[in-house]
Amino acid sequence: MRKLQLELAKLIIRIVGKDLEIKEMSVTEGSPLRRCPDMNETIKITGYTPKISMEYGIKKTFEWYKKYFFNN
């Protein structure tokens, strides 16, 4: 598992408050090799820059799912 993917998985596990083990699996057929797009060109063209951190965004997303999806 690549370092960024591992860090993201650990962050999500911490945010959701679960005691989970990360198990590296082999790549499935047809799976893209890269899943972390480089946003530099998009930022350059649009002038957009993120206003919140990834951690805050994941927390807010999880809170929304807990409120509107998981508990219903």
PDB file of N, CA and C in Angstrom:
ATOM      1  N   MET A   1       0.855  -1.168   0.000  1.00  0.00           N
ATOM      2  CA  MET A   1       0.000   0.000   0.000  1.00  0.00           C
ATOM      3  C   MET A   1       0.903   1.233   0.000  1.00  0.00           C
ATOM      4  N   ARG A   2       0.573   2.158  -0.845  1.00  0.00           N
ATOM      5  CA  ARG A   2       1.377   3.366  -0.902  1.00  0.00           C
ATOM      6  C   ARG A   2       1.180   4.205   0.351  1.00  0.00           C
ATOM      7  N   LYS A   3       2.189   5.023   0.654  1.00  0.00           N
ATOM      8  CA  LYS A   3       2.216   5.787   1.892  1.00  0.00           C
ATOM      9  C   LYS A   3       0.988   6.691   2.048  1.00  0.00           C
ATOM     10  N   LEU A   4       0.608   7.433   0.993  1.00  0.00           N
ATOM     11  CA  LEU A   4      -0.538   8.340   1.092  1.00  0.00           C
ATOM     12  C   LEU A   4      -1.836   7.576   1.333  1.00  0.00           C
ATOM     13  N   GLN A   5      -1.988   6.450   0.661  1.00  0.00           N
ATOM     14  CA  GLN A   5      -3.187   5.637   0.858  1.00  0.00           C
ATOM     15  C   GLN A   5      -3.257   5.117   2.284  1.00  0.00           C
ATOM     16  N   LEU A   6      -2.130   4.680   2.812  1.00  0.00           N
ATOM     17  CA  LEU A   6      -2.072   4.169   4.175  1.00  0.00           C
ATOM     18  C   LEU A   6      -2.405   5.276   5.177  1.00  0.00           C
ATOM     19  N   GLU A   7      -1.840   6.464   4.973  1.00  0.00           N
ATOM     20  CA  GLU A   7      -2.121   7.591   5.861  1.00  0.00           C
ATOM     21  C   GLU A   7      -3.607   7.964   5.820  1.00  0.00           C
ATOM     22  N   LEU A   8      -4.199   7.969   4.632  1.00  0.00           N
ATOM     23  CA  LEU A   8      -5.617   8.284   4.499  1.00  0.00           C
ATOM     24  C   LEU A   8      -6.470   7.228   5.193  1.00  0.00           C
ATOM     25  N   ALA A   9      -6.138   5.971   5.012  1.00  0.00           N
ATOM     26  CA  ALA A   9      -6.890   4.895   5.666  1.00  0.00           C
ATOM     27  C   ALA A   9      -6.822   5.027   7.184  1.00  0.00           C
ATOM     28  N   LYS A  10      -5.634   5.328   7.712  1.00  0.00           N
ATOM     29  CA  LYS A  10      -5.483   5.495   9.158  1.00  0.00           C
ATOM     30  C   LYS A  10      -6.279   6.700   9.661  1.00  0.00           C
ATOM     31  N   LEU A  11      -6.284   7.781   8.893  1.00  0.00           N
ATOM     32  CA  LEU A  11      -7.048   8.974   9.265  1.00  0.00           C
ATOM     33  C   LEU A  11      -8.539   8.659   9.331  1.00  0.00           C
ATOM     34  N   ILE A  12      -9.044   7.972   8.340  1.00  0.00           N
ATOM     35  CA  ILE A  12     -10.471   7.621   8.309  1.00  0.00           C
ATOM     36  C   ILE A  12     -10.822   6.710   9.477  1.00  0.00           C
ATOM     37  N   ILE A  13      -9.995   5.729   9.755  1.00  0.00           N
ATOM     38  CA  ILE A  13     -10.243   4.823  10.877  1.00  0.00           C
ATOM     39  C   ILE A  13     -10.292   5.594  12.187  1.00  0.00           C
ATOM     40  N   ARG A  14      -9.370   6.541  12.365  1.00  0.00           N
ATOM     41  CA  ARG A  14      -9.354   7.349  13.585  1.00  0.00           C
ATOM     42  C   ARG A  14     -10.617   8.202  13.694  1.00  0.00           C
ATOM     43  N   ILE A  15     -11.029   8.807  12.591  1.00  0.00           N
ATOM     44  CA  ILE A  15     -12.210   9.675  12.600  1.00  0.00           C
ATOM     45  C   ILE A  15     -13.479   8.891  12.922  1.00  0.00           C
ATOM     46  N   VAL A  16     -13.618   7.704  12.350  1.00  0.00           N
ATOM     47  CA  VAL A  16     -14.838   6.931  12.597  1.00  0.00           C
ATOM     48  C   VAL A  16     -14.800   6.209  13.939  1.00  0.00           C
ATOM     49  N   GLY A  17     -13.635   6.199  14.589  1.00  0.00           N
ATOM     50  CA  GLY A  17     -13.541   5.646  15.933  1.00  0.00           C
ATOM     51  C   GLY A  17     -13.649   4.133  16.007  1.00  0.00           C
ATOM     52  N   LYS A  18     -13.173   3.463  14.995  1.00  0.00           N
ATOM     53  CA  LYS A  18     -13.209   1.996  14.981  1.00  0.00           C
ATOM     54  C   LYS A  18     -11.822   1.433  15.229  1.00  0.00           C
ATOM     55  N   ASP A  19     -11.770   0.231  15.760  1.00  0.00           N
ATOM     56  CA  ASP A  19     -10.514  -0.482  15.950  1.00  0.00           C
ATOM     57  C   ASP A  19     -10.388  -1.459  14.792  1.00  0.00           C
ATOM     58  N   LEU A  20      -9.825  -0.991  13.697  1.00  0.00           N
ATOM     59  CA  LEU A  20      -9.744  -1.800  12.486  1.00  0.00           C
ATOM     60  C   LEU A  20      -8.299  -2.059  12.113  1.00  0.00           C
ATOM     61  N   GLU A  21      -8.081  -3.172  11.460  1.00  0.00           N
ATOM     62  CA  GLU A  21      -6.761  -3.528  10.968  1.00  0.00           C
ATOM     63  C   GLU A  21      -6.724  -3.250   9.473  1.00  0.00           C
ATOM     64  N   ILE A  22      -5.662  -2.620   9.018  1.00  0.00           N
ATOM     65  CA  ILE A  22      -5.493  -2.364   7.587  1.00  0.00           C
ATOM     66  C   ILE A  22      -4.772  -3.557   6.991  1.00  0.00           C
ATOM     67  N   LYS A  23      -5.401  -4.161   6.025  1.00  0.00           N
ATOM     68  CA  LYS A  23      -4.842  -5.362   5.408  1.00  0.00           C
ATOM     69  C   LYS A  23      -4.570  -5.064   3.934  1.00  0.00           C
ATOM     70  N   GLU A  24      -3.315  -5.115   3.543  1.00  0.00           N
ATOM     71  CA  GLU A  24      -2.957  -4.838   2.157  1.00  0.00           C
ATOM     72  C   GLU A  24      -3.361  -6.027   1.289  1.00  0.00           C
ATOM     73  N   MET A  25      -4.042  -5.706   0.212  1.00  0.00           N
ATOM     74  CA  MET A  25      -4.520  -6.733  -0.704  1.00  0.00           C
ATOM     75  C   MET A  25      -3.851  -6.544  -2.065  1.00  0.00           C
ATOM     76  N   SER A  26      -3.893  -7.566  -2.879  1.00  0.00           N
ATOM     77  CA  SER A  26      -3.342  -7.437  -4.224  1.00  0.00           C
ATOM     78  C   SER A  26      -4.284  -6.566  -5.061  1.00  0.00           C
ATOM     79  N   VAL A  27      -3.723  -5.939  -6.077  1.00  0.00           N
ATOM     80  CA  VAL A  27      -4.495  -5.073  -6.955  1.00  0.00           C
ATOM     81  C   VAL A  27      -5.455  -5.932  -7.775  1.00  0.00           C
ATOM     82  N   THR A  28      -6.704  -5.490  -7.876  1.00  0.00           N
ATOM     83  CA  THR A  28      -7.673  -6.234  -8.678  1.00  0.00           C
ATOM     84  C   THR A  28      -7.530  -5.862 -10.151  1.00  0.00           C
ATOM     85  N   GLU A  29      -7.903  -6.765 -11.016  1.00  0.00           N
ATOM     86  CA  GLU A  29      -7.803  -6.540 -12.453  1.00  0.00           C
ATOM     87  C   GLU A  29      -8.629  -5.318 -12.848  1.00  0.00           C
ATOM     88  N   GLY A  30      -8.034  -4.447 -13.646  1.00  0.00           N
ATOM     89  CA  GLY A  30      -8.725  -3.258 -14.116  1.00  0.00           C
ATOM     90  C   GLY A  30      -8.661  -2.081 -13.159  1.00  0.00           C
ATOM     91  N   SER A  31      -8.036  -2.280 -11.996  1.00  0.00           N
ATOM     92  CA  SER A  31      -7.928  -1.218 -11.004  1.00  0.00           C
ATOM     93  C   SER A  31      -6.902  -0.188 -11.472  1.00  0.00           C
ATOM     94  N   PRO A  32      -7.226   1.112 -11.375  1.00  0.00           N
ATOM     95  CA  PRO A  32      -6.246   2.109 -11.811  1.00  0.00           C
ATOM     96  C   PRO A  32      -5.020   2.104 -10.909  1.00  0.00           C
ATOM     97  N   LEU A  33      -3.867   2.379 -11.489  1.00  0.00           N
ATOM     98  CA  LEU A  33      -2.633   2.378 -10.720  1.00  0.00           C
ATOM     99  C   LEU A  33      -2.496   3.631  -9.871  1.00  0.00           C
ATOM    100  N   ARG A  34      -3.133   4.720 -10.294  1.00  0.00           N
ATOM    101  CA  ARG A  34      -3.015   5.974  -9.563  1.00  0.00           C
ATOM    102  C   ARG A  34      -4.393   6.471  -9.160  1.00  0.00           C
ATOM    103  N   ARG A  35      -4.568   6.746  -7.888  1.00  0.00           N
ATOM    104  CA  ARG A  35      -5.846   7.238  -7.392  1.00  0.00           C
ATOM    105  C   ARG A  35      -5.696   8.548  -6.636  1.00  0.00           C
ATOM    106  N   CYS A  36      -4.567   9.166  -6.735  1.00  0.00           N
ATOM    107  CA  CYS A  36      -4.313  10.442  -6.061  1.00  0.00           C
ATOM    108  C   CYS A  36      -4.002  11.473  -7.138  1.00  0.00           C
ATOM    109  N   PRO A  37      -5.032  12.142  -7.655  1.00  0.00           N
ATOM    110  CA  PRO A  37      -4.773  13.085  -8.743  1.00  0.00           C
ATOM    111  C   PRO A  37      -3.924  14.260  -8.284  1.00  0.00           C
ATOM    112  N   ASP A  38      -3.097  14.741  -9.179  1.00  0.00           N
ATOM    113  CA  ASP A  38      -2.308  15.943  -8.917  1.00  0.00           C
ATOM    114  C   ASP A  38      -3.194  17.134  -9.264  1.00  0.00           C
ATOM    115  N   MET A  39      -3.561  17.918  -8.259  1.00  0.00           N
ATOM    116  CA  MET A  39      -4.498  19.018  -8.451  1.00  0.00           C
ATOM    117  C   MET A  39      -3.817  20.330  -8.836  1.00  0.00           C
ATOM    118  N   ASN A  40      -2.489  20.330  -8.992  1.00  0.00           N
ATOM    119  CA  ASN A  40      -1.773  21.570  -9.288  1.00  0.00           C
ATOM    120  C   ASN A  40      -2.266  22.247 -10.567  1.00  0.00           C
ATOM    121  N   GLU A  41      -2.492  21.491 -11.628  1.00  0.00           N
ATOM    122  CA  GLU A  41      -2.966  22.081 -12.890  1.00  0.00           C
ATOM    123  C   GLU A  41      -4.371  22.665 -12.720  1.00  0.00           C
ATOM    124  N   THR A  42      -5.237  21.962 -12.024  1.00  0.00           N
ATOM    125  CA  THR A  42      -6.590  22.461 -11.769  1.00  0.00           C
ATOM    126  C   THR A  42      -6.543  23.757 -10.973  1.00  0.00           C
ATOM    127  N   ILE A  43      -5.717  23.796  -9.958  1.00  0.00           N
ATOM    128  CA  ILE A  43      -5.581  25.002  -9.132  1.00  0.00           C
ATOM    129  C   ILE A  43      -5.055  26.156  -9.980  1.00  0.00           C
ATOM    130  N   LYS A  44      -4.083  25.862 -10.843  1.00  0.00           N
ATOM    131  CA  LYS A  44      -3.500  26.897 -11.688  1.00  0.00           C
ATOM    132  C   LYS A  44      -4.541  27.464 -12.653  1.00  0.00           C
ATOM    133  N   ILE A  45      -5.350  26.609 -13.255  1.00  0.00           N
ATOM    134  CA  ILE A  45      -6.354  27.048 -14.231  1.00  0.00           C
ATOM    135  C   ILE A  45      -7.517  27.770 -13.560  1.00  0.00           C
ATOM    136  N   THR A  46      -8.006  27.232 -12.462  1.00  0.00           N
ATOM    137  CA  THR A  46      -9.214  27.778 -11.832  1.00  0.00           C
ATOM    138  C   THR A  46      -8.933  28.801 -10.743  1.00  0.00           C
ATOM    139  N   GLY A  47      -7.732  28.768 -10.191  1.00  0.00           N
ATOM    140  CA  GLY A  47      -7.415  29.653  -9.077  1.00  0.00           C
ATOM    141  C   GLY A  47      -8.006  29.171  -7.761  1.00  0.00           C
ATOM    142  N   TYR A  48      -8.653  28.014  -7.783  1.00  0.00           N
ATOM    143  CA  TYR A  48      -9.275  27.470  -6.579  1.00  0.00           C
ATOM    144  C   TYR A  48      -8.217  26.862  -5.664  1.00  0.00           C
ATOM    145  N   THR A  49      -8.350  27.121  -4.392  1.00  0.00           N
ATOM    146  CA  THR A  49      -7.534  26.438  -3.399  1.00  0.00           C
ATOM    147  C   THR A  49      -8.457  25.977  -2.272  1.00  0.00           C
ATOM    148  N   PRO A  50      -8.203  24.793  -1.721  1.00  0.00           N
ATOM    149  CA  PRO A  50      -9.053  24.283  -0.650  1.00  0.00           C
ATOM    150  C   PRO A  50      -9.112  25.240   0.535  1.00  0.00           C
ATOM    151  N   LYS A  51     -10.275  25.327   1.147  1.00  0.00           N
ATOM    152  CA  LYS A  51     -10.469  26.225   2.282  1.00  0.00           C
ATOM    153  C   LYS A  51     -10.507  25.476   3.613  1.00  0.00           C
ATOM    154  N   ILE A  52     -10.599  24.166   3.550  1.00  0.00           N
ATOM    155  CA  ILE A  52     -10.607  23.342   4.765  1.00  0.00           C
ATOM    156  C   ILE A  52      -9.600  22.215   4.601  1.00  0.00           C
ATOM    157  N   SER A  53      -9.173  21.653   5.710  1.00  0.00           N
ATOM    158  CA  SER A  53      -8.214  20.547   5.650  1.00  0.00           C
ATOM    159  C   SER A  53      -8.929  19.249   5.258  1.00  0.00           C
ATOM    160  N   MET A  54      -8.148  18.301   4.795  1.00  0.00           N
ATOM    161  CA  MET A  54      -8.714  17.001   4.449  1.00  0.00           C
ATOM    162  C   MET A  54      -9.341  16.356   5.682  1.00  0.00           C
ATOM    163  N   GLU A  55      -8.657  16.462   6.821  1.00  0.00           N
ATOM    164  CA  GLU A  55      -9.181  15.853   8.046  1.00  0.00           C
ATOM    165  C   GLU A  55     -10.537  16.455   8.411  1.00  0.00           C
ATOM    166  N   TYR A  56     -10.655  17.774   8.367  1.00  0.00           N
ATOM    167  CA  TYR A  56     -11.924  18.427   8.694  1.00  0.00           C
ATOM    168  C   TYR A  56     -13.009  18.001   7.700  1.00  0.00           C
ATOM    169  N   GLY A  57     -12.664  17.949   6.423  1.00  0.00           N
ATOM    170  CA  GLY A  57     -13.634  17.535   5.405  1.00  0.00           C
ATOM    171  C   GLY A  57     -14.123  16.115   5.619  1.00  0.00           C
ATOM    172  N   ILE A  58     -13.221  15.218   5.974  1.00  0.00           N
ATOM    173  CA  ILE A  58     -13.613  13.829   6.241  1.00  0.00           C
ATOM    174  C   ILE A  58     -14.499  13.763   7.478  1.00  0.00           C
ATOM    175  N   LYS A  59     -14.139  14.517   8.518  1.00  0.00           N
ATOM    176  CA  LYS A  59     -14.969  14.539   9.737  1.00  0.00           C
ATOM    177  C   LYS A  59     -16.377  15.023   9.428  1.00  0.00           C
ATOM    178  N   LYS A  60     -16.490  16.118   8.693  1.00  0.00           N
ATOM    179  CA  LYS A  60     -17.805  16.677   8.371  1.00  0.00           C
ATOM    180  C   LYS A  60     -18.608  15.714   7.498  1.00  0.00           C
ATOM    181  N   THR A  61     -17.953  15.070   6.558  1.00  0.00           N
ATOM    182  CA  THR A  61     -18.628  14.093   5.697  1.00  0.00           C
ATOM    183  C   THR A  61     -19.138  12.924   6.522  1.00  0.00           C
ATOM    184  N   PHE A  62     -18.305  12.412   7.425  1.00  0.00           N
ATOM    185  CA  PHE A  62     -18.714  11.294   8.264  1.00  0.00           C
ATOM    186  C   PHE A  62     -19.873  11.692   9.175  1.00  0.00           C
ATOM    187  N   GLU A  63     -19.803  12.898   9.745  1.00  0.00           N
ATOM    188  CA  GLU A  63     -20.909  13.385  10.586  1.00  0.00           C
ATOM    189  C   GLU A  63     -22.212  13.435   9.798  1.00  0.00           C
ATOM    190  N   TRP A  64     -22.150  13.889   8.548  1.00  0.00           N
ATOM    191  CA  TRP A  64     -23.354  13.958   7.712  1.00  0.00           C
ATOM    192  C   TRP A  64     -23.908  12.557   7.481  1.00  0.00           C
ATOM    193  N   TYR A  65     -23.045  11.621   7.121  1.00  0.00           N
ATOM    194  CA  TYR A  65     -23.499  10.242   6.893  1.00  0.00           C
ATOM    195  C   TYR A  65     -24.095   9.637   8.155  1.00  0.00           C
ATOM    196  N   LYS A  66     -23.472   9.895   9.313  1.00  0.00           N
ATOM    197  CA  LYS A  66     -24.031   9.383  10.572  1.00  0.00           C
ATOM    198  C   LYS A  66     -25.432   9.943  10.809  1.00  0.00           C
ATOM    199  N   LYS A  67     -25.619  11.214  10.544  1.00  0.00           N
ATOM    200  CA  LYS A  67     -26.899  11.870  10.811  1.00  0.00           C
ATOM    201  C   LYS A  67     -27.973  11.481   9.807  1.00  0.00           C
ATOM    202  N   TYR A  68     -27.658  11.456   8.522  1.00  0.00           N
ATOM    203  CA  TYR A  68     -28.666  11.299   7.496  1.00  0.00           C
ATOM    204  C   TYR A  68     -28.731   9.925   6.847  1.00  0.00           C
ATOM    205  N   PHE A  69     -27.730   9.096   7.051  1.00  0.00           N
ATOM    206  CA  PHE A  69     -27.739   7.820   6.362  1.00  0.00           C
ATOM    207  C   PHE A  69     -27.641   6.624   7.306  1.00  0.00           C
ATOM    208  N   PHE A  70     -26.631   6.606   8.165  1.00  0.00           N
ATOM    209  CA  PHE A  70     -26.399   5.439   8.999  1.00  0.00           C
ATOM    210  C   PHE A  70     -27.485   5.231  10.047  1.00  0.00           C
ATOM    211  N   ASN A  71     -28.054   6.295  10.599  1.00  0.00           N
ATOM    212  CA  ASN A  71     -29.038   6.178  11.658  1.00  0.00           C
ATOM    213  C   ASN A  71     -30.473   6.073  11.170  1.00  0.00           C
ATOM    214  N   ASN A  72     -30.678   6.086   9.875  1.00  0.00           N
ATOM    215  CA  ASN A  72     -32.044   5.996   9.324  1.00  0.00           C
ATOM    216  C   ASN A  72     -32.301   4.652   8.702  1.00  0.00           C
TER     217      ASN A  72
END
